[in-house]
Amino acid sequence: MNQLTTKFLLSLLNALSSLSWKNAFRLSNALRWLLFDVGGYRKKVILSNLQNSFPEKSDQEIKIIAKKFYQHFTDLIVETIKFRTASPDVIRERLQGDISMMDDLYASKTNVIFIMGHRGNWELANLFSSLCFSHECIVVYRPLQNKKSDQWFRDLRTRFGAILVPMDQIFKELQKPRDKPYAVVLANDQSPVPETAFWTTFLNQETGIFRGVETIARRYNLTVLYADFQKITGKRGYYKVEITKITCEPKVIPMNMILKKQIKVLEKNIQMQPHNWLWSHRRWKHKMPLNLKPDQISL
């Protein structure tokens, strides 16, 4: 994408951020029709992922979940555009839940690491955490190759003071002295390099899991929390967060137990609200390598 095209598209996104929520969701309806009904965007990937994850469901049930996901996917797009300029009050209104656990951890000066899956709107989750947590929020992300697009997302994600750090720089970042406790925030359900992943069974399939969360938690003795974001039925664009403590003793529990607990909770959440996950991602594009270390496998 050349610079002129990128500049035009980003200007368009900024302009669209001023739409009312009603018109934003009208735009989402049109995008759903264009992307999926006309363009068939990743339909084969989505249906294959759903069929393999839920072998007990009929073709009709799979199609119903897929149709709900199509709308959820385009809602995420327009919501993210809106959040580029949304007020703090809108952020607090759109994501609700009991976060008193974070207040207690801050009072005890406890550093934490948050694991998320790609459920709900993760851009909203990042904004909410930096706005509503007393902790200094450090958001781990993967930089985009297009520098102008990357800057657009950086501006979005740092609106309320979050520190944005590429994954390969997170260890260096956490070595810096700080005046108050911090919370590392990252998603952990993408497709990792298969040779370095932890492999387990997830949604009825052999699945590789990033090991970085466990490494970070153990090295810096961070309390590990899992945050799930459920869509609120009947309130489009509204979500509920539920925080689960994985462990407050990462150096004591057995190796890979953090990842096992996280995946188990994520799987349960997906089964309860299956359309609310990023099914268009090629999550299972890699197969488990043959020559893995024993501590990389738990099937």
C-alpha atoms as a PDB file:
ATOM      1  CA  MET A   1       0.000   0.000   0.000  1.00  0.00           C
ATOM      2  CA  ASN A   2       1.575   3.315  -1.089  1.00  0.00           C
ATOM      3  CA  GLN A   3       1.769   6.350   1.198  1.00  0.00           C
ATOM      4  CA  LEU A   4      -0.964   8.296  -0.596  1.00  0.00           C
ATOM      5  CA  THR A   5      -3.448   5.419  -0.313  1.00  0.00           C
ATOM      6  CA  THR A   6      -2.544   4.868   3.331  1.00  0.00           C
ATOM      7  CA  LYS A   7      -2.975   8.567   4.115  1.00  0.00           C
ATOM      8  CA  PHE A   8      -6.396   8.597   2.445  1.00  0.00           C
ATOM      9  CA  LEU A   9      -7.615   5.474   4.274  1.00  0.00           C
ATOM     10  CA  LEU A  10      -6.436   6.706   7.663  1.00  0.00           C
ATOM     11  CA  SER A  11      -8.087  10.085   7.052  1.00  0.00           C
ATOM     12  CA  LEU A  12     -11.276   8.208   6.191  1.00  0.00           C
ATOM     13  CA  LEU A  13     -11.062   6.195   9.427  1.00  0.00           C
ATOM     14  CA  ASN A  14     -10.614   9.372  11.446  1.00  0.00           C
ATOM     15  CA  ALA A  15     -13.639  10.900   9.748  1.00  0.00           C
ATOM     16  CA  LEU A  16     -15.743   7.786  10.360  1.00  0.00           C
ATOM     17  CA  SER A  17     -14.898   7.902  14.069  1.00  0.00           C
ATOM     18  CA  SER A  18     -17.310  10.836  14.383  1.00  0.00           C
ATOM     19  CA  LEU A  19     -20.289   8.737  13.263  1.00  0.00           C
ATOM     20  CA  SER A  20     -23.034   8.134  15.791  1.00  0.00           C
ATOM     21  CA  TRP A  21     -23.095   4.621  17.227  1.00  0.00           C
ATOM     22  CA  LYS A  22     -26.342   3.967  15.368  1.00  0.00           C
ATOM     23  CA  ASN A  23     -24.784   4.885  12.027  1.00  0.00           C
ATOM     24  CA  ALA A  24     -21.560   3.049  12.908  1.00  0.00           C
ATOM     25  CA  PHE A  25     -23.492  -0.197  13.282  1.00  0.00           C
ATOM     26  CA  ARG A  26     -25.336   0.510  10.043  1.00  0.00           C
ATOM     27  CA  LEU A  27     -21.881   0.696   8.475  1.00  0.00           C
ATOM     28  CA  SER A  28     -21.034  -2.611  10.134  1.00  0.00           C
ATOM     29  CA  ASN A  29     -24.106  -4.217   8.574  1.00  0.00           C
ATOM     30  CA  ALA A  30     -22.982  -3.032   5.147  1.00  0.00           C
ATOM     31  CA  LEU A  31     -19.420  -4.254   5.758  1.00  0.00           C
ATOM     32  CA  ARG A  32     -20.713  -7.671   6.798  1.00  0.00           C
ATOM     33  CA  TRP A  33     -22.658  -7.980   3.562  1.00  0.00           C
ATOM     34  CA  LEU A  34     -19.712  -6.771   1.472  1.00  0.00           C
ATOM     35  CA  LEU A  35     -16.988  -8.812   3.197  1.00  0.00           C
ATOM     36  CA  PHE A  36     -18.789 -12.091   3.715  1.00  0.00           C
ATOM     37  CA  ASP A  37     -21.880 -12.274   1.482  1.00  0.00           C
ATOM     38  CA  VAL A  38     -20.171 -10.732  -1.548  1.00  0.00           C
ATOM     39  CA  GLY A  39     -16.465 -11.255  -0.937  1.00  0.00           C
ATOM     40  CA  GLY A  40     -16.592 -14.507   1.052  1.00  0.00           C
ATOM     41  CA  TYR A  41     -13.758 -13.268   3.287  1.00  0.00           C
ATOM     42  CA  ARG A  42     -11.983 -16.291   4.822  1.00  0.00           C
ATOM     43  CA  LYS A  43     -15.229 -18.263   4.910  1.00  0.00           C
ATOM     44  CA  LYS A  44     -13.409 -21.543   4.341  1.00  0.00           C
ATOM     45  CA  VAL A  45     -11.034 -20.824   7.224  1.00  0.00           C
ATOM     46  CA  ILE A  46     -13.879 -19.810   9.534  1.00  0.00           C
ATOM     47  CA  LEU A  47     -16.065 -22.816   8.773  1.00  0.00           C
ATOM     48  CA  SER A  48     -13.133 -25.234   8.990  1.00  0.00           C
ATOM     49  CA  ASN A  49     -12.073 -23.825  12.358  1.00  0.00           C
ATOM     50  CA  LEU A  50     -15.619 -24.099  13.696  1.00  0.00           C
ATOM     51  CA  GLN A  51     -16.174 -27.636  12.388  1.00  0.00           C
ATOM     52  CA  ASN A  52     -12.914 -28.906  13.854  1.00  0.00           C
ATOM     53  CA  SER A  53     -13.511 -27.143  17.181  1.00  0.00           C
ATOM     54  CA  PHE A  54     -17.104 -28.346  17.574  1.00  0.00           C
ATOM     55  CA  PRO A  55     -17.339 -31.796  15.923  1.00  0.00           C
ATOM     56  CA  GLU A  56     -20.469 -32.517  17.947  1.00  0.00           C
ATOM     57  CA  LYS A  57     -22.423 -29.682  16.297  1.00  0.00           C
ATOM     58  CA  SER A  58     -24.513 -30.079  13.154  1.00  0.00           C
ATOM     59  CA  ASP A  59     -23.797 -28.199   9.926  1.00  0.00           C
ATOM     60  CA  GLN A  60     -26.778 -25.963  10.664  1.00  0.00           C
ATOM     61  CA  GLU A  61     -25.449 -25.100  14.126  1.00  0.00           C
ATOM     62  CA  ILE A  62     -22.031 -24.306  12.645  1.00  0.00           C
ATOM     63  CA  LYS A  63     -23.610 -22.002  10.054  1.00  0.00           C
ATOM     64  CA  ILE A  64     -25.541 -20.139  12.773  1.00  0.00           C
ATOM     65  CA  ILE A  65     -22.348 -19.547  14.783  1.00  0.00           C
ATOM     66  CA  ALA A  66     -20.510 -18.451  11.626  1.00  0.00           C
ATOM     67  CA  LYS A  67     -23.246 -15.971  10.725  1.00  0.00           C
ATOM     68  CA  LYS A  68     -23.112 -14.437  14.217  1.00  0.00           C
ATOM     69  CA  PHE A  69     -19.319 -14.252  13.962  1.00  0.00           C
ATOM     70  CA  TYR A  70     -19.502 -12.371  10.629  1.00  0.00           C
ATOM     71  CA  GLN A  71     -21.490  -9.613  12.326  1.00  0.00           C
ATOM     72  CA  HIS A  72     -19.238  -9.655  15.381  1.00  0.00           C
ATOM     73  CA  PHE A  73     -16.175  -9.280  13.156  1.00  0.00           C
ATOM     74  CA  THR A  74     -17.421  -6.176  11.349  1.00  0.00           C
ATOM     75  CA  ASP A  75     -18.737  -4.751  14.623  1.00  0.00           C
ATOM     76  CA  LEU A  76     -15.163  -4.990  15.937  1.00  0.00           C
ATOM     77  CA  ILE A  77     -13.952  -2.938  12.981  1.00  0.00           C
ATOM     78  CA  VAL A  78     -16.398  -0.061  13.431  1.00  0.00           C
ATOM     79  CA  GLU A  79     -16.107  -0.136  17.231  1.00  0.00           C
ATOM     80  CA  THR A  80     -12.330   0.201  16.957  1.00  0.00           C
ATOM     81  CA  ILE A  81     -12.756   3.181  14.627  1.00  0.00           C
ATOM     82  CA  LYS A  82     -15.124   4.754  17.147  1.00  0.00           C
ATOM     83  CA  PHE A  83     -12.744   4.115  20.048  1.00  0.00           C
ATOM     84  CA  ARG A  84     -10.095   6.171  18.260  1.00  0.00           C
ATOM     85  CA  THR A  85     -11.888   9.312  19.539  1.00  0.00           C
ATOM     86  CA  ALA A  86     -14.364   7.983  22.131  1.00  0.00           C
ATOM     87  CA  SER A  87     -14.496   9.767  25.487  1.00  0.00           C
ATOM     88  CA  PRO A  88     -13.434   8.119  28.760  1.00  0.00           C
ATOM     89  CA  ASP A  89     -17.091   7.925  29.770  1.00  0.00           C
ATOM     90  CA  VAL A  90     -17.897   5.908  26.643  1.00  0.00           C
ATOM     91  CA  ILE A  91     -15.047   3.493  27.363  1.00  0.00           C
ATOM     92  CA  ARG A  92     -16.267   2.947  30.926  1.00  0.00           C
ATOM     93  CA  GLU A  93     -19.857   2.541  29.740  1.00  0.00           C
ATOM     94  CA  ARG A  94     -19.064  -0.003  27.002  1.00  0.00           C
ATOM     95  CA  LEU A  95     -17.034  -2.342  29.234  1.00  0.00           C
ATOM     96  CA  GLN A  96     -18.327  -3.204  32.673  1.00  0.00           C
ATOM     97  CA  GLY A  97     -17.374  -5.640  35.416  1.00  0.00           C
ATOM     98  CA  ASP A  98     -15.897  -6.068  38.874  1.00  0.00           C
ATOM     99  CA  ILE A  99     -12.267  -4.873  38.864  1.00  0.00           C
ATOM    100  CA  SER A 100     -11.903  -4.582  42.640  1.00  0.00           C
ATOM    101  CA  MET A 101      -9.252  -7.318  42.495  1.00  0.00           C
ATOM    102  CA  MET A 102      -6.991  -4.835  40.698  1.00  0.00           C
ATOM    103  CA  ASP A 103      -7.508  -2.238  43.436  1.00  0.00           C
ATOM    104  CA  ASP A 104      -6.449  -4.794  46.059  1.00  0.00           C
ATOM    105  CA  LEU A 105      -3.374  -5.801  44.057  1.00  0.00           C
ATOM    106  CA  TYR A 106      -2.392  -2.167  43.614  1.00  0.00           C
ATOM    107  CA  ALA A 107      -2.782  -1.508  47.323  1.00  0.00           C
ATOM    108  CA  SER A 108      -0.399  -4.401  48.028  1.00  0.00           C
ATOM    109  CA  LYS A 109       2.048  -3.066  45.383  1.00  0.00           C
ATOM    110  CA  THR A 110       1.735  -6.245  43.327  1.00  0.00           C
ATOM    111  CA  ASN A 111       2.881  -6.347  39.697  1.00  0.00           C
ATOM    112  CA  VAL A 112       0.649  -8.418  37.425  1.00  0.00           C
ATOM    113  CA  ILE A 113       0.456  -9.852  33.947  1.00  0.00           C
ATOM    114  CA  PHE A 114      -2.904 -10.069  32.182  1.00  0.00           C
ATOM    115  CA  ILE A 115      -3.554 -12.800  29.601  1.00  0.00           C
ATOM    116  CA  MET A 116      -6.382 -12.246  27.139  1.00  0.00           C
ATOM    117  CA  GLY A 117      -7.817 -14.225  24.278  1.00  0.00           C
ATOM    118  CA  HIS A 118      -9.225 -12.573  21.164  1.00  0.00           C
ATOM    119  CA  ARG A 119     -12.698 -12.347  22.650  1.00  0.00           C
ATOM    120  CA  GLY A 120     -14.753  -9.205  22.884  1.00  0.00           C
ATOM    121  CA  ASN A 121     -13.042  -6.066  21.615  1.00  0.00           C
ATOM    122  CA  TRP A 122      -9.390  -6.177  22.696  1.00  0.00           C
ATOM    123  CA  GLU A 123      -8.834  -2.542  21.696  1.00  0.00           C
ATOM    124  CA  LEU A 124     -11.582  -1.558  24.131  1.00  0.00           C
ATOM    125  CA  ALA A 125      -9.949  -3.804  26.744  1.00  0.00           C
ATOM    126  CA  ASN A 126      -6.599  -2.050  26.319  1.00  0.00           C
ATOM    127  CA  LEU A 127      -8.177   1.396  26.636  1.00  0.00           C
ATOM    128  CA  PHE A 128     -10.239   0.335  29.629  1.00  0.00           C
ATOM    129  CA  SER A 129      -7.210  -1.063  31.473  1.00  0.00           C
ATOM    130  CA  SER A 130      -5.116   2.079  31.039  1.00  0.00           C
ATOM    131  CA  LEU A 131      -8.083   4.269  31.980  1.00  0.00           C
ATOM    132  CA  CYS A 132      -9.491   2.350  34.942  1.00  0.00           C
ATOM    133  CA  PHE A 133      -6.548   0.528  36.541  1.00  0.00           C
ATOM    134  CA  SER A 134      -4.267   2.312  38.990  1.00  0.00           C
ATOM    135  CA  HIS A 135      -1.385   0.168  37.752  1.00  0.00           C
ATOM    136  CA  GLU A 136       0.897   1.477  35.034  1.00  0.00           C
ATOM    137  CA  CYS A 137      -0.332  -0.427  31.970  1.00  0.00           C
ATOM    138  CA  ILE A 138       2.182  -1.977  29.583  1.00  0.00           C
ATOM    139  CA  VAL A 139       0.526  -3.340  26.437  1.00  0.00           C
ATOM    140  CA  VAL A 140       2.474  -5.911  24.420  1.00  0.00           C
ATOM    141  CA  TYR A 141       1.817  -5.712  20.679  1.00  0.00           C
ATOM    142  CA  ARG A 142       3.094  -6.716  17.267  1.00  0.00           C
ATOM    143  CA  PRO A 143       4.139  -3.669  15.183  1.00  0.00           C
ATOM    144  CA  LEU A 144       2.634  -3.329  11.704  1.00  0.00           C
ATOM    145  CA  GLN A 145       4.949  -3.141   8.698  1.00  0.00           C
ATOM    146  CA  ASN A 146       3.181  -0.043   7.388  1.00  0.00           C
ATOM    147  CA  LYS A 147       4.561   2.729   9.629  1.00  0.00           C
ATOM    148  CA  LYS A 148       1.629   5.121   9.193  1.00  0.00           C
ATOM    149  CA  SER A 149      -0.912   2.384   9.993  1.00  0.00           C
ATOM    150  CA  ASP A 150       1.200   1.311  12.950  1.00  0.00           C
ATOM    151  CA  GLN A 151       1.234   4.901  14.242  1.00  0.00           C
ATOM    152  CA  TRP A 152      -2.568   5.107  13.912  1.00  0.00           C
ATOM    153  CA  PHE A 153      -2.956   2.083  16.170  1.00  0.00           C
ATOM    154  CA  ARG A 154      -0.267   3.328  18.545  1.00  0.00           C
ATOM    155  CA  ASP A 155      -2.156   6.597  18.912  1.00  0.00           C
ATOM    156  CA  LEU A 156      -5.358   4.630  19.598  1.00  0.00           C
ATOM    157  CA  ARG A 157      -3.829   2.305  22.168  1.00  0.00           C
ATOM    158  CA  THR A 158      -1.903   4.947  24.101  1.00  0.00           C
ATOM    159  CA  ARG A 159      -4.732   7.492  24.382  1.00  0.00           C
ATOM    160  CA  PHE A 160      -5.054   7.065  28.142  1.00  0.00           C
ATOM    161  CA  GLY A 161      -1.423   6.585  29.058  1.00  0.00           C
ATOM    162  CA  ALA A 162      -0.664   2.955  28.208  1.00  0.00           C
ATOM    163  CA  ILE A 163       2.922   2.085  27.309  1.00  0.00           C
ATOM    164  CA  LEU A 164       3.097   0.127  24.051  1.00  0.00           C
ATOM    165  CA  VAL A 165       5.944  -2.391  23.806  1.00  0.00           C
ATOM    166  CA  PRO A 166       6.833  -4.895  21.048  1.00  0.00           C
ATOM    167  CA  MET A 167       7.104  -8.462  22.341  1.00  0.00           C
ATOM    168  CA  ASP A 168      10.827  -8.675  21.624  1.00  0.00           C
ATOM    169  CA  GLN A 169      11.441  -5.647  23.884  1.00  0.00           C
ATOM    170  CA  ILE A 170       9.275  -6.578  26.866  1.00  0.00           C
ATOM    171  CA  PHE A 171      12.088  -7.996  29.016  1.00  0.00           C
ATOM    172  CA  LYS A 172      14.118  -4.820  28.566  1.00  0.00           C
ATOM    173  CA  GLU A 173      11.038  -2.713  29.402  1.00  0.00           C
ATOM    174  CA  LEU A 174      10.351  -4.570  32.656  1.00  0.00           C
ATOM    175  CA  GLN A 175      13.883  -3.991  33.894  1.00  0.00           C
ATOM    176  CA  LYS A 176      13.275  -0.237  34.064  1.00  0.00           C
ATOM    177  CA  PRO A 177      12.729   1.269  37.542  1.00  0.00           C
ATOM    178  CA  ARG A 178       9.138   2.328  38.257  1.00  0.00           C
ATOM    179  CA  ASP A 179       7.384   4.444  40.861  1.00  0.00           C
ATOM    180  CA  LYS A 180       4.267   2.285  41.044  1.00  0.00           C
ATOM    181  CA  PRO A 181       3.113  -1.290  40.273  1.00  0.00           C
ATOM    182  CA  TYR A 182       2.614  -2.256  36.645  1.00  0.00           C
ATOM    183  CA  ALA A 183       0.250  -4.501  34.697  1.00  0.00           C
ATOM    184  CA  VAL A 184       1.458  -6.194  31.529  1.00  0.00           C
ATOM    185  CA  VAL A 185      -1.411  -6.815  29.096  1.00  0.00           C
ATOM    186  CA  LEU A 186      -1.202  -9.241  26.165  1.00  0.00           C
ATOM    187  CA  ALA A 187      -3.213 -11.677  24.068  1.00  0.00           C
ATOM    188  CA  ASN A 188      -1.878 -15.218  23.965  1.00  0.00           C
ATOM    189  CA  ASP A 189      -4.011 -17.145  21.466  1.00  0.00           C
ATOM    190  CA  GLN A 190      -2.358 -16.452  18.119  1.00  0.00           C
ATOM    191  CA  SER A 191      -0.373 -19.053  16.181  1.00  0.00           C
ATOM    192  CA  PRO A 192       3.207 -19.296  17.566  1.00  0.00           C
ATOM    193  CA  VAL A 193       6.408 -20.631  16.041  1.00  0.00           C
ATOM    194  CA  PRO A 194       5.704 -24.386  16.337  1.00  0.00           C
ATOM    195  CA  GLU A 195       9.229 -25.396  17.400  1.00  0.00           C
ATOM    196  CA  THR A 196       9.214 -23.107  20.456  1.00  0.00           C
ATOM    197  CA  ALA A 197       5.550 -23.499  21.471  1.00  0.00           C
ATOM    198  CA  PHE A 198       3.905 -25.470  24.258  1.00  0.00           C
ATOM    199  CA  TRP A 199       1.581 -28.040  22.674  1.00  0.00           C
ATOM    200  CA  THR A 200      -1.670 -29.173  24.214  1.00  0.00           C
ATOM    201  CA  THR A 201      -5.239 -30.063  23.246  1.00  0.00           C
ATOM    202  CA  PHE A 202      -7.465 -27.029  22.761  1.00  0.00           C
ATOM    203  CA  LEU A 203     -10.919 -27.132  21.163  1.00  0.00           C
ATOM    204  CA  ASN A 204     -10.388 -30.776  20.162  1.00  0.00           C
ATOM    205  CA  GLN A 205      -7.179 -30.031  18.268  1.00  0.00           C
ATOM    206  CA  GLU A 206      -3.421 -30.222  18.829  1.00  0.00           C
ATOM    207  CA  THR A 207      -2.574 -26.574  19.469  1.00  0.00           C
ATOM    208  CA  GLY A 208       0.648 -24.643  19.969  1.00  0.00           C
ATOM    209  CA  ILE A 209       0.651 -21.971  22.681  1.00  0.00           C
ATOM    210  CA  PHE A 210       3.047 -19.054  23.130  1.00  0.00           C
ATOM    211  CA  ARG A 211       5.292 -19.694  26.141  1.00  0.00           C
ATOM    212  CA  GLY A 212       6.222 -16.033  26.641  1.00  0.00           C
ATOM    213  CA  VAL A 213       3.597 -15.371  29.320  1.00  0.00           C
ATOM    214  CA  GLU A 214       4.956 -18.092  31.559  1.00  0.00           C
ATOM    215  CA  THR A 215       8.548 -16.984  30.974  1.00  0.00           C
ATOM    216  CA  ILE A 216       7.750 -13.353  31.825  1.00  0.00           C
ATOM    217  CA  ALA A 217       5.686 -14.273  34.892  1.00  0.00           C
ATOM    218  CA  ARG A 218       8.363 -16.557  36.320  1.00  0.00           C
ATOM    219  CA  ARG A 219      11.269 -14.203  35.650  1.00  0.00           C
ATOM    220  CA  TYR A 220       9.632 -11.184  37.292  1.00  0.00           C
ATOM    221  CA  ASN A 221       7.428 -13.084  39.772  1.00  0.00           C
ATOM    222  CA  LEU A 222       4.206 -11.548  38.429  1.00  0.00           C
ATOM    223  CA  THR A 223       0.723 -12.446  39.588  1.00  0.00           C
ATOM    224  CA  VAL A 224      -0.988 -13.953  36.542  1.00  0.00           C
ATOM    225  CA  LEU A 225      -4.556 -12.919  35.735  1.00  0.00           C
ATOM    226  CA  TYR A 226      -6.852 -13.958  32.906  1.00  0.00           C
ATOM    227  CA  ALA A 227      -9.443 -11.521  31.558  1.00  0.00           C
ATOM    228  CA  ASP A 228     -12.445 -12.689  29.550  1.00  0.00           C
ATOM    229  CA  PHE A 229     -14.678 -10.319  27.584  1.00  0.00           C
ATOM    230  CA  GLN A 230     -18.215 -11.497  27.011  1.00  0.00           C
ATOM    231  CA  LYS A 231     -20.616  -9.768  24.654  1.00  0.00           C
ATOM    232  CA  ILE A 232     -23.726  -8.531  26.472  1.00  0.00           C
ATOM    233  CA  THR A 233     -26.749 -10.044  24.773  1.00  0.00           C
ATOM    234  CA  GLY A 234     -29.162  -7.482  23.367  1.00  0.00           C
ATOM    235  CA  LYS A 235     -26.726  -4.546  23.794  1.00  0.00           C
ATOM    236  CA  ARG A 236     -24.668  -4.252  20.656  1.00  0.00           C
ATOM    237  CA  GLY A 237     -21.174  -2.973  21.314  1.00  0.00           C
ATOM    238  CA  TYR A 238     -21.300  -3.588  25.072  1.00  0.00           C
ATOM    239  CA  TYR A 239     -19.097  -6.067  26.918  1.00  0.00           C
ATOM    240  CA  LYS A 240     -18.574  -7.519  30.370  1.00  0.00           C
ATOM    241  CA  VAL A 241     -15.124  -8.316  31.774  1.00  0.00           C
ATOM    242  CA  GLU A 242     -14.517 -11.179  34.191  1.00  0.00           C
ATOM    243  CA  ILE A 243     -11.103 -11.475  35.850  1.00  0.00           C
ATOM    244  CA  THR A 244      -9.748 -14.870  36.969  1.00  0.00           C
ATOM    245  CA  LYS A 245      -6.580 -15.307  39.026  1.00  0.00           C
ATOM    246  CA  ILE A 246      -4.363 -17.981  37.487  1.00  0.00           C
ATOM    247  CA  THR A 247      -1.635 -17.841  40.141  1.00  0.00           C
ATOM    248  CA  CYS A 248       0.103 -15.466  42.514  1.00  0.00           C
ATOM    249  CA  GLU A 249       3.092 -17.817  42.801  1.00  0.00           C
ATOM    250  CA  PRO A 250       4.411 -18.317  39.243  1.00  0.00           C
ATOM    251  CA  LYS A 251       7.813 -19.543  40.445  1.00  0.00           C
ATOM    252  CA  VAL A 252       6.266 -22.255  42.608  1.00  0.00           C
ATOM    253  CA  ILE A 253       3.632 -23.943  40.454  1.00  0.00           C
ATOM    254  CA  PRO A 254       4.692 -26.678  37.986  1.00  0.00           C
ATOM    255  CA  MET A 255       6.053 -25.715  34.590  1.00  0.00           C
ATOM    256  CA  ASN A 256       3.355 -24.974  31.964  1.00  0.00           C
ATOM    257  CA  MET A 257       0.594 -24.885  34.604  1.00  0.00           C
ATOM    258  CA  ILE A 258      -0.056 -21.201  33.826  1.00  0.00           C
ATOM    259  CA  LEU A 259      -0.647 -22.033  30.169  1.00  0.00           C
ATOM    260  CA  LYS A 260      -2.766 -25.094  30.976  1.00  0.00           C
ATOM    261  CA  LYS A 261      -5.042 -23.110  33.289  1.00  0.00           C
ATOM    262  CA  GLN A 262      -5.342 -20.243  30.833  1.00  0.00           C
ATOM    263  CA  ILE A 263      -6.269 -22.492  27.909  1.00  0.00           C
ATOM    264  CA  LYS A 264      -8.819 -24.395  29.967  1.00  0.00           C
ATOM    265  CA  VAL A 265     -10.613 -21.194  30.989  1.00  0.00           C
ATOM    266  CA  LEU A 266     -10.437 -19.740  27.466  1.00  0.00           C
ATOM    267  CA  GLU A 267     -11.880 -22.940  25.998  1.00  0.00           C
ATOM    268  CA  LYS A 268     -14.782 -22.867  28.449  1.00  0.00           C
ATOM    269  CA  ASN A 269     -15.487 -19.212  27.633  1.00  0.00           C
ATOM    270  CA  ILE A 270     -15.500 -19.909  23.895  1.00  0.00           C
ATOM    271  CA  GLN A 271     -17.877 -22.848  24.323  1.00  0.00           C
ATOM    272  CA  MET A 272     -20.298 -20.636  26.291  1.00  0.00           C
ATOM    273  CA  GLN A 273     -20.336 -17.879  23.629  1.00  0.00           C
ATOM    274  CA  PRO A 274     -18.789 -19.426  20.504  1.00  0.00           C
ATOM    275  CA  HIS A 275     -19.279 -16.598  18.001  1.00  0.00           C
ATOM    276  CA  ASN A 276     -17.247 -14.273  20.235  1.00  0.00           C
ATOM    277  CA  TRP A 277     -13.729 -15.313  19.165  1.00  0.00           C
ATOM    278  CA  LEU A 278     -11.487 -14.578  16.200  1.00  0.00           C
ATOM    279  CA  TRP A 279     -12.383 -17.556  13.999  1.00  0.00           C
ATOM    280  CA  SER A 280     -10.991 -15.906  10.861  1.00  0.00           C
ATOM    281  CA  HIS A 281      -7.434 -16.326  12.187  1.00  0.00           C
ATOM    282  CA  ARG A 282      -5.502 -19.323  10.816  1.00  0.00           C
ATOM    283  CA  ARG A 283      -4.962 -20.569  14.333  1.00  0.00           C
ATOM    284  CA  TRP A 284      -4.112 -24.158  13.397  1.00  0.00           C
ATOM    285  CA  LYS A 285      -1.981 -23.567  10.308  1.00  0.00           C
ATOM    286  CA  HIS A 286       1.000 -25.374  11.893  1.00  0.00           C
ATOM    287  CA  LYS A 287       1.267 -29.008  12.902  1.00  0.00           C
ATOM    288  CA  MET A 288       3.044 -30.197  16.013  1.00  0.00           C
ATOM    289  CA  PRO A 289       6.737 -30.904  15.269  1.00  0.00           C
ATOM    290  CA  LEU A 290       8.036 -34.401  15.959  1.00  0.00           C
ATOM    291  CA  ASN A 291      11.179 -33.505  17.908  1.00  0.00           C
ATOM    292  CA  LEU A 292       9.917 -31.422  20.832  1.00  0.00           C
ATOM    293  CA  LYS A 293      11.257 -31.426  24.378  1.00  0.00           C
ATOM    294  CA  PRO A 294       9.131 -33.281  26.947  1.00  0.00           C
ATOM    295  CA  ASP A 295       8.222 -30.019  28.708  1.00  0.00           C
ATOM    296  CA  GLN A 296       6.673 -28.704  25.467  1.00  0.00           C
ATOM    297  CA  ILE A 297       3.954 -31.344  25.250  1.00  0.00           C
ATOM    298  CA  SER A 298       0.845 -32.057  27.317  1.00  0.00           C
ATOM    299  CA  LEU A 299      -1.879 -33.628  25.179  1.00  0.00           C
END
